[in-house]
Each structure stands twice: as C-alpha cells, then as structure tokens.
Amino acid sequence: MSGRAVLVFDDREYSRERLEALADGLAGTLARRGVQAGDRVALMSSNRPEFVLAVLAIWRLGAAVVLLSPAWKQGETEHALAVTEPAHAVGDHPVLAGLMPMLHLDEPIAPGGGPYAEPDPHTDALLVFSSGTTGLPKAVRHTHASIGAAVGHWRDALGLTGRDRIQITTPPSHILGLLNIVTVLETGAWMRLHRRFDLERMLHHIEADRITVEMAVAPIALALASHPKLESYDLSSLRYIMWGATPVTPDVAETVTRRTGVGWVPAYGASELPVLACNPLEGARLDSAGRAVPGVSLRVVSLETGEPVAPGGIGEIQARSESLMAGYLPEAATAEALSEGWYRTGDVGAIDADGWLRLTDRAKEMIKVRGFQVAPAEVEAVLHGHPDVADCAVFGVPDAADGEVIVAAVTVRRPVEPAELIGRVGERLASYKRPRRVVFVPEIPRLPSGKVLRRLLKERHGRQTDD
C-alpha cells in the first residue's frame, strides 16, 4: 500500500491511491454489467469501505447513485425503487437483492482499469430520500455541480484541511453522512468509518486516533452529557463538536463543554440544500443555527403573504445557492418546494440584522427523528391498515434525545393495545418511524377539506408522558 491512510475501517487502512485503484476496478465490473452514463444505480449497504468505493465507481461511469437506507423494510424499498427506477443495483442488503439483480459488495474487487472521463457537472450524481409535508418520501436529485458546491461550503464552514481527522458514525445513506465522506476525500483529511454508532468506541477513537472534528446529532450529544466516565477520556485533540440535524439543546451542550472543555459549532442543512448555515468556529452561539455560509443566500418570508419580512421578523426560512437540488422525483413535487428560485425549507424562524438565524418551528409537518425525516402520512397509512383503527393522525413532539418523537392519535372501532399498533409500524417501516406513544381519542380533528389539525393534537396530547 502506497501513501498515507485516508480511510480506516476496523484494522483495515486505505490510502487514496488504493481507494482510487479499487474504485476503478469496481467501475469496470459495473460497466461489464451494463452500467453506463445517465443510468441510476441503487445502493443499499451497511457502513463499510465498499460503500465509499461503490459511490466513487458509479460516479466514474457518469451514473447516479440512488441511496437506500439499510434500515428500510421491503415496502419502503419498493416505493423508493418505483420512484427512482434504477437500472442496476449494488450493495449487501438482502431486501434489495430480493427485489432486483444486485452486485454484492462481498464480491472481490480487482484494482485497476480506466481511465474514466470526468462526469458532466450538470448530470445527476445522487438521489437521496427526503419526506415532504404529505405522502411518501421523495427522491432529492443532486447534480455533480450541486454536490460539489455543497462540499465546498461544508469544507469552508468547518475550516477542514488535510490535517483534520474525523470519524463517520452516522449512516452514509443520509445526506450528512455522505457529505462528510465526500468532503473528507476532497479535502485530503483522514476518516475512520464505523460499522454503527457506539458511544464507547467513538470516545475511544477520539483519544486513540486524535480526532480533530467530531460530528454529532442530538442523541450523540445527550449520550455524551450523561456518560458517567466522560472525564476519563482524553478529548483534547478535538477542535470542536459539530451539532447538526436538530436545534441545539443548550443545557446538554453546556454540560458536555463543562465536563470536557470542548465547544460546539451548531450548523443547519437539508437534503435539498445540504449546507444552509453554520456558526463561526470562534464565538459560536448555542441559541442560533449560525449565519448563512458563503455561497448561500437566506431570507425569511411571511407565512401569510409570502413577502420578505424585516430583520427579526418571524416567517418561513428560504434559501438559494448553487448547492440547491435539481428537483424531486416524482417531478410534480418540485414546484411546491421552490418559489422563484428560492428553496422553501418549511422551517419557521427569524434572521436578525446581523444575519444570525434562529429556528423556532416547522411549517412542514414532517417529523425529524434523530436527523431522519418521517412523513406522517407514511406512518398513518400503516395504522389505517389495522382492522380496528377507524382514523388516525401522527405528529411529532420535542424530545431532548431524538429531536422529536412520534405520537399517534388513534380512534378505534374496538379496543386494541398500543403495543400492537406500535409493533405493526415496526414490522413494516424502519425502526425510527415507530410511534413512541399512542393516544386514543374520540375523533381526529380535521378541517372541512379533510386536512388534519395536527397543531390541535399537539396542544392536547403533546405534553402527556403516559400512554
């Protein structure tokens, strides 16, 4: 192996040269299976180096990666495949293998091959799934140009250089995990890829690998704050911990800083526009998602009129940038997400005269659990399929550990145990989509149009802690 390691997994080390050679080899294998420029290739894989190689190989051929979560069950995967219509598949997951011919990542990869031409920057590079206000998850389309712009924004916002060392504990099938991986490769930094999140291993490797930047979401932050032996780890190599996916819980962040001496850098992004805002590395604030990163414009518009509001005014956060998605699949969903070139985030907040962004609420009804977006309609569809459920509505309530937890309000034809309904969702959807609580109500409040009044349900049942 020539060159220094840029990716480490367990006791395996990969130099940039080895990664490039193996990606060339895998690209050759995919090409022999018929993958060509413009194709879509489904990728459903556990956290492993071959995931990274697959992304690089697919891009070498000018094809687009369709990222499928390994947490998904068959029904969710079938929906994703129907929306994106990939011609080929690669991965290590039995669900995908059961639905279409799949090149298994356990197959040996012979290095070498190519050279391969640079892909057209305006062609699709990536399709990653996101849930909107209604219906099932949509595929967000990113081009090579938009992903390249997002990588540049992330690198600059975090001040990453070739001297940095990070670890990837979040799923690569999620936009944050993939963004971190690609940014490390583009920057020449070093990364350790973990099979799954494990707090003890994460802390051990901060110390052993001298990690300089730690990426965290709310559950990781809460686990750090409550760790009984946190002070026993040497975390002095960390420049900061990034907090993403959900607004910061100040008391949790302050507890970690008090116990470790390490500060936080809150940031804000979306699948549709991966890096919206970030705090400065010096002088970060816990009450703000930061300021718009260079290359991104932010504005706040009135929820009533759609017109921009004065500094400090409350409204929907909108953004535009070269890193904006090319659109959704199904394509019909794109129009409602854009307003004259501005991406409508669905988040409610304010931007003060100095550019500091404060998030207060969410206009969209999707629920964000541990950084993953959950469409209420998807969970409701499963619950409606139960013979004893007459009507239902799903909503999210704030939670210190997970950002939000899912609550299902249900009207029933005859008595049914909450555990049975929660289990039904768990059997058909990813585990993070299971309701934490079920509340039985005499009726689901709706407008004459049939639209559920979720806010009313939140007010009535969101603060209850019992079933």
Protein backbone atom coordinates (compact mmCIF):
# COMPACT_ATOMS: atom_id res chain seq x y z
CA MET A 1 0.00 0.00 0.00
CA SER A 2 1.50 3.32 -1.04
CA GLY A 3 0.72 6.67 0.52
CA ARG A 4 -0.73 7.56 3.88
CA ALA A 5 -4.10 6.23 5.00
CA VAL A 6 -7.15 8.39 4.28
CA LEU A 7 -9.82 5.85 5.32
CA VAL A 8 -9.67 3.36 8.18
CA PHE A 9 -12.24 0.67 9.00
CA ASP A 10 -11.59 -1.68 11.92
CA ASP A 11 -7.96 -2.70 11.28
CA ARG A 12 -8.09 -2.04 7.52
CA GLU A 13 -6.37 1.03 6.09
CA TYR A 14 -6.84 2.56 2.65
CA SER A 15 -4.57 5.11 1.03
CA ARG A 16 -6.01 7.48 -1.55
CA GLU A 17 -4.15 5.51 -4.23
CA ARG A 18 -5.70 2.23 -3.08
CA LEU A 19 -9.20 3.75 -2.96
CA GLU A 20 -8.78 5.11 -6.48
CA ALA A 21 -7.50 1.78 -7.82
CA LEU A 22 -10.30 -0.22 -6.19
CA ALA A 23 -12.93 2.29 -7.38
CA ASP A 24 -11.53 1.93 -10.91
CA GLY A 25 -11.81 -1.84 -10.60
CA LEU A 26 -15.37 -1.75 -9.31
CA ALA A 27 -16.31 0.71 -12.07
CA GLY A 28 -15.02 -1.82 -14.61
CA THR A 29 -17.14 -4.56 -13.05
CA LEU A 30 -20.23 -2.34 -13.11
CA ALA A 31 -19.54 -1.35 -16.72
CA ARG A 32 -19.36 -5.02 -17.71
CA ARG A 33 -22.78 -5.46 -16.05
CA GLY A 34 -24.13 -2.73 -18.32
CA VAL A 35 -23.92 0.41 -16.19
CA GLN A 36 -23.36 3.47 -18.39
CA ALA A 37 -23.57 7.25 -18.24
CA GLY A 38 -27.02 8.51 -17.30
CA ASP A 39 -28.09 5.31 -15.55
CA ARG A 40 -29.32 5.20 -11.98
CA VAL A 41 -27.75 2.62 -9.68
CA ALA A 42 -29.42 1.67 -6.39
CA LEU A 43 -27.00 1.38 -3.44
CA MET A 44 -28.19 -0.27 -0.22
CA SER A 45 -25.29 -1.06 2.05
CA SER A 46 -24.13 -1.26 5.62
CA ASN A 47 -21.41 1.14 6.79
CA ARG A 48 -18.26 -0.26 5.14
CA PRO A 49 -15.43 0.90 2.86
CA GLU A 50 -17.09 -0.75 -0.13
CA PHE A 51 -19.95 1.75 0.22
CA VAL A 52 -17.43 4.53 -0.47
CA LEU A 53 -15.93 2.57 -3.36
CA ALA A 54 -19.37 2.00 -4.88
CA VAL A 55 -20.20 5.72 -4.85
CA LEU A 56 -16.86 6.58 -6.49
CA ALA A 57 -17.23 3.79 -9.06
CA ILE A 58 -20.76 4.77 -10.06
CA TRP A 59 -19.67 8.40 -10.50
CA ARG A 60 -16.70 7.31 -12.66
CA LEU A 61 -19.19 5.89 -15.13
CA GLY A 62 -21.28 9.07 -15.24
CA ALA A 63 -24.15 7.27 -13.49
CA ALA A 64 -26.16 8.45 -10.48
CA VAL A 65 -26.24 6.82 -7.04
CA VAL A 66 -29.68 6.11 -5.56
CA LEU A 67 -29.08 5.93 -1.79
CA LEU A 68 -31.36 3.47 0.02
CA SER A 69 -31.32 3.24 3.80
CA PRO A 70 -30.31 -0.19 5.13
CA ALA A 71 -32.89 0.41 7.89
CA TRP A 72 -35.74 0.19 5.38
CA LYS A 73 -38.08 -2.74 5.12
CA GLN A 74 -39.34 -4.21 1.86
CA GLY A 75 -42.31 -1.88 1.37
CA GLU A 76 -40.18 1.25 1.82
CA THR A 77 -37.55 -0.09 -0.56
CA GLU A 78 -40.16 -0.98 -3.17
CA HIS A 79 -41.50 2.58 -3.01
CA ALA A 80 -38.01 4.05 -3.44
CA LEU A 81 -37.29 1.83 -6.44
CA ALA A 82 -40.63 2.69 -8.04
CA VAL A 83 -39.92 6.43 -7.68
CA THR A 84 -36.33 6.35 -8.99
CA GLU A 85 -36.45 3.39 -11.43
CA PRO A 86 -32.77 2.39 -11.16
CA ALA A 87 -31.47 0.13 -13.91
CA HIS A 88 -28.87 -1.56 -11.70
CA ALA A 89 -28.18 -2.32 -8.05
CA VAL A 90 -25.16 -2.79 -5.81
CA GLY A 91 -24.98 -3.40 -2.08
CA ASP A 92 -25.01 -6.03 0.66
CA HIS A 93 -28.65 -5.95 1.74
CA PRO A 94 -30.99 -8.94 1.29
CA VAL A 95 -34.05 -6.70 0.80
CA LEU A 96 -32.54 -5.06 -2.29
CA ALA A 97 -31.15 -8.38 -3.53
CA GLY A 98 -34.66 -9.82 -3.34
CA LEU A 99 -36.13 -7.03 -5.47
CA MET A 100 -33.64 -6.74 -8.36
CA PRO A 101 -30.33 -8.22 -9.56
CA MET A 102 -27.62 -6.85 -7.24
CA LEU A 103 -23.82 -6.87 -7.38
CA HIS A 104 -22.87 -7.91 -3.85
CA LEU A 105 -20.19 -5.85 -2.14
CA ASP A 106 -18.66 -9.03 -0.71
CA GLU A 107 -17.51 -9.92 -4.24
CA PRO A 108 -13.74 -9.42 -4.57
CA ILE A 109 -12.69 -6.21 -6.35
CA ALA A 110 -9.70 -6.36 -8.69
CA PRO A 111 -7.97 -2.95 -8.64
CA GLY A 112 -7.18 -1.05 -11.81
CA GLY A 113 -8.93 -0.09 -15.01
CA GLY A 114 -9.91 3.15 -16.61
CA PRO A 115 -9.06 5.90 -17.08
CA TYR A 116 -12.55 7.34 -16.77
CA ALA A 117 -13.70 10.73 -18.02
CA GLU A 118 -14.91 13.36 -15.59
CA PRO A 119 -18.72 13.29 -15.46
CA ASP A 120 -20.72 16.19 -16.87
CA PRO A 121 -21.22 18.52 -13.86
CA HIS A 122 -24.85 19.15 -14.83
CA THR A 123 -25.87 15.48 -14.85
CA ASP A 124 -27.37 13.72 -11.84
CA ALA A 125 -24.89 12.40 -9.28
CA LEU A 126 -27.08 11.50 -6.33
CA LEU A 127 -30.65 10.71 -5.37
CA VAL A 128 -31.28 10.77 -1.62
CA PHE A 129 -34.66 10.42 0.05
CA SER A 130 -36.47 13.15 1.95
CA SER A 131 -40.04 13.46 3.20
CA GLY A 132 -42.16 16.50 2.50
CA THR A 133 -45.40 17.71 4.03
CA THR A 134 -47.55 14.92 2.63
CA GLY A 135 -47.27 11.50 1.12
CA LEU A 136 -44.41 9.06 0.91
CA PRO A 137 -40.71 10.02 0.80
CA LYS A 138 -39.46 11.85 -2.31
CA ALA A 139 -36.08 11.46 -4.01
CA VAL A 140 -33.94 14.60 -3.96
CA ARG A 141 -31.88 14.92 -7.17
CA HIS A 142 -28.41 16.43 -6.90
CA THR A 143 -26.06 17.02 -9.81
CA HIS A 144 -22.28 16.71 -9.64
CA ALA A 145 -22.20 20.52 -9.62
CA SER A 146 -24.63 20.93 -6.71
CA ILE A 147 -22.88 18.28 -4.60
CA GLY A 148 -19.52 19.86 -5.43
CA ALA A 149 -20.80 23.23 -4.27
CA ALA A 150 -22.15 21.72 -1.03
CA VAL A 151 -18.79 20.05 -0.34
CA GLY A 152 -17.04 23.39 -0.78
CA HIS A 153 -19.49 25.10 1.58
CA TRP A 154 -19.05 22.37 4.23
CA ARG A 155 -15.26 22.35 3.99
CA ASP A 156 -15.05 26.13 4.32
CA ALA A 157 -17.68 26.42 7.06
CA LEU A 158 -15.92 23.83 9.24
CA GLY A 159 -12.44 25.00 8.35
CA LEU A 160 -11.43 21.48 7.28
CA THR A 161 -7.93 20.85 5.92
CA GLY A 162 -5.75 17.87 5.12
CA ARG A 163 -4.59 17.87 8.75
CA ASP A 164 -8.06 17.08 10.13
CA ARG A 165 -9.14 13.68 11.37
CA ILE A 166 -12.82 12.78 11.70
CA GLN A 167 -14.94 9.67 12.19
CA ILE A 168 -18.17 8.71 10.44
CA THR A 169 -20.74 7.21 12.81
CA THR A 170 -23.89 8.45 11.05
CA PRO A 171 -25.37 6.38 8.20
CA PRO A 172 -23.75 7.19 4.82
CA SER A 173 -27.17 6.77 3.17
CA HIS A 174 -28.20 10.02 4.91
CA ILE A 175 -27.11 13.32 3.34
CA LEU A 176 -24.92 14.29 6.33
CA GLY A 177 -23.01 11.01 6.34
CA LEU A 178 -22.37 11.13 2.60
CA LEU A 179 -21.45 14.84 2.71
CA ASN A 180 -18.88 14.15 5.43
CA ILE A 181 -17.31 11.29 3.46
CA VAL A 182 -17.05 13.19 0.18
CA THR A 183 -15.77 16.33 1.92
CA VAL A 184 -13.01 14.35 3.66
CA LEU A 185 -11.94 12.81 0.33
CA GLU A 186 -11.98 16.18 -1.43
CA THR A 187 -10.07 17.87 1.40
CA GLY A 188 -7.45 15.18 1.85
CA ALA A 189 -8.34 14.70 5.51
CA TRP A 190 -8.40 11.36 7.37
CA MET A 191 -11.50 9.43 8.43
CA ARG A 192 -12.48 6.36 10.40
CA LEU A 193 -15.67 4.69 9.19
CA HIS A 194 -17.64 2.86 11.91
CA ARG A 195 -19.99 -0.07 11.36
CA ARG A 196 -22.57 1.63 13.57
CA PHE A 197 -22.78 4.23 16.30
CA ASP A 198 -21.28 3.04 19.57
CA LEU A 199 -20.53 5.72 22.16
CA GLU A 200 -17.67 3.88 23.84
CA ARG A 201 -15.94 3.20 20.54
CA MET A 202 -16.48 6.79 19.43
CA LEU A 203 -14.87 8.13 22.61
CA HIS A 204 -12.07 5.58 22.45
CA HIS A 205 -11.18 6.57 18.91
CA ILE A 206 -11.30 10.32 19.60
CA GLU A 207 -8.49 9.59 22.05
CA ALA A 208 -6.64 6.87 20.12
CA ASP A 209 -6.89 8.45 16.65
CA ARG A 210 -6.56 12.07 17.85
CA ILE A 211 -9.81 13.06 16.13
CA THR A 212 -9.95 16.81 15.49
CA VAL A 213 -13.60 17.34 14.50
CA GLU A 214 -16.49 15.27 15.85
CA MET A 215 -19.85 15.22 14.05
CA ALA A 216 -22.84 14.85 16.37
CA VAL A 217 -26.62 14.84 16.35
CA ALA A 218 -28.89 15.17 19.38
CA PRO A 219 -28.79 11.51 20.58
CA ILE A 220 -24.97 11.56 20.49
CA ALA A 221 -24.89 14.84 22.40
CA LEU A 222 -27.25 13.51 25.06
CA ALA A 223 -25.24 10.31 25.41
CA LEU A 224 -22.05 12.34 25.88
CA ALA A 225 -23.66 14.58 28.50
CA SER A 226 -24.91 11.63 30.54
CA HIS A 227 -21.80 9.43 30.23
CA PRO A 228 -20.66 8.67 33.81
CA LYS A 229 -16.96 8.45 32.90
CA LEU A 230 -16.73 11.13 30.21
CA GLU A 231 -13.86 12.85 32.01
CA SER A 232 -11.74 9.69 31.81
CA TYR A 233 -11.29 10.13 28.05
CA ASP A 234 -8.67 12.43 26.58
CA LEU A 235 -10.65 14.58 24.13
CA SER A 236 -8.05 17.33 23.91
CA SER A 237 -7.42 16.71 20.20
CA LEU A 238 -10.94 17.98 19.32
CA ARG A 239 -11.15 21.46 17.85
CA TYR A 240 -14.94 21.39 18.32
CA ILE A 241 -18.03 19.18 18.04
CA MET A 242 -20.49 19.97 15.25
CA TRP A 243 -24.19 19.80 16.21
CA GLY A 244 -26.47 19.20 13.23
CA ALA A 245 -29.87 17.84 12.17
CA THR A 246 -31.86 19.42 15.05
CA PRO A 247 -31.70 22.68 17.03
CA VAL A 248 -29.24 22.62 19.92
CA THR A 249 -30.43 21.71 23.42
CA PRO A 250 -28.35 24.29 25.33
CA ASP A 251 -28.20 22.55 28.71
CA VAL A 252 -26.97 19.33 27.07
CA ALA A 253 -24.32 21.13 25.04
CA GLU A 254 -23.18 23.18 28.04
CA THR A 255 -22.87 20.05 30.17
CA VAL A 256 -20.55 18.41 27.62
CA THR A 257 -18.43 21.56 27.35
CA ARG A 258 -18.19 21.92 31.13
CA ARG A 259 -17.09 18.29 31.51
CA THR A 260 -14.69 18.16 28.53
CA GLY A 261 -13.68 21.70 27.70
CA VAL A 262 -14.76 21.12 24.08
CA GLY A 263 -17.08 23.65 22.46
CA TRP A 264 -19.83 23.20 19.90
CA VAL A 265 -20.41 24.52 16.37
CA PRO A 266 -24.15 24.35 15.51
CA ALA A 267 -24.98 24.02 11.81
CA TYR A 268 -28.12 23.72 9.70
CA GLY A 269 -28.79 21.93 6.44
CA ALA A 270 -31.32 19.94 4.45
CA SER A 271 -31.24 17.12 1.93
CA GLU A 272 -32.39 19.62 -0.69
CA LEU A 273 -29.66 22.18 0.13
CA PRO A 274 -27.08 20.42 2.29
CA VAL A 275 -25.36 23.38 4.00
CA LEU A 276 -27.59 26.35 4.80
CA ALA A 277 -25.97 27.97 7.82
CA CYS A 278 -23.15 27.38 10.26
CA ASN A 279 -21.79 29.09 13.34
CA PRO A 280 -18.32 30.64 13.26
CA LEU A 281 -15.62 28.37 14.66
CA GLU A 282 -14.75 31.12 17.13
CA GLY A 283 -17.65 32.65 19.01
CA ALA A 284 -20.29 30.03 18.19
CA ARG A 285 -23.71 30.54 19.78
CA LEU A 286 -25.97 27.79 21.10
CA ASP A 287 -29.14 29.83 20.52
CA SER A 288 -28.58 30.11 16.77
CA ALA A 289 -28.01 27.86 13.78
CA GLY A 290 -25.39 30.40 12.74
CA ARG A 291 -25.22 32.60 9.69
CA ALA A 292 -25.70 31.74 6.02
CA VAL A 293 -22.50 30.13 4.75
CA PRO A 294 -20.73 31.98 1.89
CA GLY A 295 -22.39 30.95 -1.34
CA VAL A 296 -25.84 30.58 0.25
CA SER A 297 -28.47 33.32 0.47
CA LEU A 298 -31.14 33.14 3.17
CA ARG A 299 -34.33 35.10 3.61
CA VAL A 300 -37.46 34.99 5.78
CA VAL A 301 -40.89 35.41 4.19
CA SER A 302 -44.27 35.93 5.78
CA LEU A 303 -46.30 32.77 6.30
CA GLU A 304 -49.40 34.74 5.25
CA THR A 305 -48.24 36.79 2.24
CA GLY A 306 -45.02 35.13 1.10
CA GLU A 307 -43.32 38.52 1.08
CA PRO A 308 -39.90 39.05 2.74
CA VAL A 309 -40.12 40.32 6.33
CA ALA A 310 -37.94 42.86 8.13
CA PRO A 311 -34.89 41.68 10.10
CA GLY A 312 -36.05 39.87 13.23
CA GLY A 313 -39.46 39.07 11.74
CA ILE A 314 -40.84 35.54 12.01
CA GLY A 315 -41.60 33.53 8.88
CA GLU A 316 -40.53 30.67 6.65
CA ILE A 317 -36.79 30.29 6.03
CA GLN A 318 -35.97 30.20 2.31
CA ALA A 319 -32.60 29.67 0.65
CA ARG A 320 -30.90 29.68 -2.73
CA SER A 321 -27.47 28.50 -3.79
CA GLU A 322 -25.53 26.58 -6.42
CA SER A 323 -25.85 23.64 -3.99
CA LEU A 324 -29.66 23.54 -4.40
CA MET A 325 -31.11 20.25 -5.62
CA ALA A 326 -32.07 19.86 -9.27
CA GLY A 327 -35.55 18.77 -8.19
CA TYR A 328 -37.55 15.89 -6.78
CA LEU A 329 -38.78 12.59 -8.07
CA PRO A 330 -41.72 12.44 -8.55
CA GLU A 331 -41.14 15.65 -10.54
CA ALA A 332 -44.57 17.04 -9.69
CA ALA A 333 -43.44 17.60 -6.10
CA THR A 334 -40.71 20.06 -7.13
CA ALA A 335 -42.90 23.09 -7.84
CA GLU A 336 -44.26 23.43 -4.30
CA ALA A 337 -40.73 23.32 -2.82
CA LEU A 338 -39.44 26.25 -4.88
CA SER A 339 -40.52 29.89 -5.05
CA GLU A 340 -38.85 31.93 -7.80
CA GLY A 341 -35.61 30.02 -7.38
CA TRP A 342 -35.75 30.01 -3.57
CA TYR A 343 -35.98 26.69 -1.72
CA ARG A 344 -38.81 26.69 0.79
CA THR A 345 -37.35 24.89 3.81
CA GLY A 346 -40.65 24.63 5.66
CA ASP A 347 -38.82 25.76 8.81
CA VAL A 348 -40.03 28.81 10.67
CA GLY A 349 -37.66 31.27 12.28
CA ALA A 350 -36.04 34.67 12.14
CA ILE A 351 -32.83 36.27 10.92
CA ASP A 352 -31.67 39.32 12.85
CA ALA A 353 -29.96 42.40 11.42
CA ASP A 354 -26.54 40.77 11.89
CA GLY A 355 -27.52 37.63 9.97
CA TRP A 356 -27.93 35.24 12.91
CA LEU A 357 -30.56 32.58 12.18
CA ARG A 358 -32.89 31.34 14.90
CA LEU A 359 -35.21 28.41 14.19
CA THR A 360 -38.48 28.34 16.11
CA ASP A 361 -40.87 25.88 14.46
CA ARG A 362 -41.56 23.84 11.37
CA ALA A 363 -44.16 24.81 8.80
CA LYS A 364 -43.95 21.46 7.13
CA GLU A 365 -45.49 18.59 9.01
CA MET A 366 -42.65 16.12 8.62
CA ILE A 367 -41.20 14.81 11.87
CA LYS A 368 -37.44 14.83 12.38
CA VAL A 369 -36.28 11.86 14.47
CA ARG A 370 -32.53 11.66 15.10
CA GLY A 371 -31.97 13.69 11.95
CA PHE A 372 -34.18 11.44 9.79
CA GLN A 373 -37.32 12.91 8.28
CA VAL A 374 -40.55 10.96 8.75
CA ALA A 375 -43.70 11.72 6.77
CA PRO A 376 -46.79 11.42 9.00
CA ALA A 377 -48.80 10.07 6.06
CA GLU A 378 -46.46 7.11 5.70
CA VAL A 379 -46.99 6.01 9.33
CA GLU A 380 -50.70 6.80 9.13
CA ALA A 381 -51.06 4.55 6.09
CA VAL A 382 -49.73 1.60 8.11
CA LEU A 383 -52.00 2.34 11.08
CA HIS A 384 -55.05 2.78 8.83
CA GLY A 385 -54.45 -0.75 7.60
CA HIS A 386 -55.24 -2.18 11.04
CA PRO A 387 -58.83 -3.52 11.08
CA ASP A 388 -59.62 -1.91 14.45
CA VAL A 389 -58.37 1.61 13.54
CA ALA A 390 -61.14 3.92 12.41
CA ASP A 391 -59.00 7.04 11.98
CA CYS A 392 -55.57 8.28 12.99
CA ALA A 393 -53.13 11.16 12.81
CA VAL A 394 -49.40 11.20 13.52
CA PHE A 395 -47.41 14.15 14.81
CA GLY A 396 -44.08 14.92 16.42
CA VAL A 397 -43.32 16.39 19.82
CA PRO A 398 -39.95 17.73 21.02
CA ASP A 399 -37.57 15.31 22.69
CA ALA A 400 -34.15 16.10 24.14
CA ALA A 401 -32.54 12.89 22.90
CA ASP A 402 -34.10 12.36 19.46
CA GLY A 403 -35.05 15.89 18.42
CA GLU A 404 -38.65 14.75 18.08
CA VAL A 405 -40.59 11.61 18.90
CA ILE A 406 -43.63 10.31 17.06
CA VAL A 407 -47.05 10.27 18.71
CA ALA A 408 -50.03 8.58 17.07
CA ALA A 409 -53.55 9.76 17.87
CA VAL A 410 -55.99 6.95 17.08
CA THR A 411 -59.72 6.38 17.09
CA VAL A 412 -60.68 2.71 17.27
CA ARG A 413 -63.67 0.54 16.39
CA ARG A 414 -62.91 -1.82 19.27
CA PRO A 415 -60.18 -1.86 21.96
CA VAL A 416 -56.61 -2.50 20.81
CA GLU A 417 -53.32 -2.43 22.73
CA PRO A 418 -50.91 0.43 21.95
CA ALA A 419 -48.05 -2.07 21.71
CA GLU A 420 -49.87 -3.87 18.90
CA LEU A 421 -50.13 -0.68 16.83
CA ILE A 422 -46.52 0.32 17.53
CA GLY A 423 -45.40 -3.19 16.60
CA ARG A 424 -47.36 -3.05 13.35
CA VAL A 425 -45.45 0.06 12.28
CA GLY A 426 -42.17 -1.51 13.38
CA GLU A 427 -42.81 -4.57 11.22
CA ARG A 428 -43.43 -2.53 8.08
CA LEU A 429 -41.25 0.58 8.43
CA ALA A 430 -37.78 1.48 9.68
CA SER A 431 -37.41 1.47 13.46
CA TYR A 432 -37.08 5.27 13.72
CA LYS A 433 -40.59 5.61 12.24
CA ARG A 434 -42.27 3.77 15.13
CA PRO A 435 -44.51 5.89 17.37
CA ARG A 436 -43.18 6.40 20.86
CA ARG A 437 -46.73 6.78 22.18
CA VAL A 438 -50.29 6.02 21.11
CA VAL A 439 -53.12 8.17 22.46
CA PHE A 440 -56.73 7.11 21.96
CA VAL A 441 -59.07 9.95 21.06
CA PRO A 442 -62.84 10.10 20.32
CA GLU A 443 -62.20 11.78 16.95
CA ILE A 444 -59.39 13.21 14.80
CA PRO A 445 -59.85 16.98 14.40
CA ARG A 446 -59.99 17.94 10.73
CA LEU A 447 -60.83 20.90 8.55
CA PRO A 448 -63.80 20.55 6.16
CA SER A 449 -61.23 19.78 3.45
CA GLY A 450 -60.14 16.75 5.46
CA LYS A 451 -56.79 18.22 6.49
CA VAL A 452 -55.79 17.06 9.96
CA LEU A 453 -55.36 19.79 12.59
CA ARG A 454 -52.06 18.42 13.91
CA ARG A 455 -51.33 21.55 15.90
CA LEU A 456 -54.52 20.97 17.89
CA LEU A 457 -53.46 17.40 18.60
CA LYS A 458 -50.03 18.58 19.71
CA GLU A 459 -51.61 21.07 22.11
CA ARG A 460 -53.92 18.43 23.58
CA HIS A 461 -51.59 15.45 23.73
CA GLY A 462 -48.04 16.59 23.06
CA ARG A 463 -47.13 17.12 26.71
CA GLN A 464 -48.53 13.86 28.04
CA THR A 465 -45.89 11.35 29.07
CA ASP A 466 -48.17 8.40 29.70
CA ASP A 467 -49.81 6.10 27.24
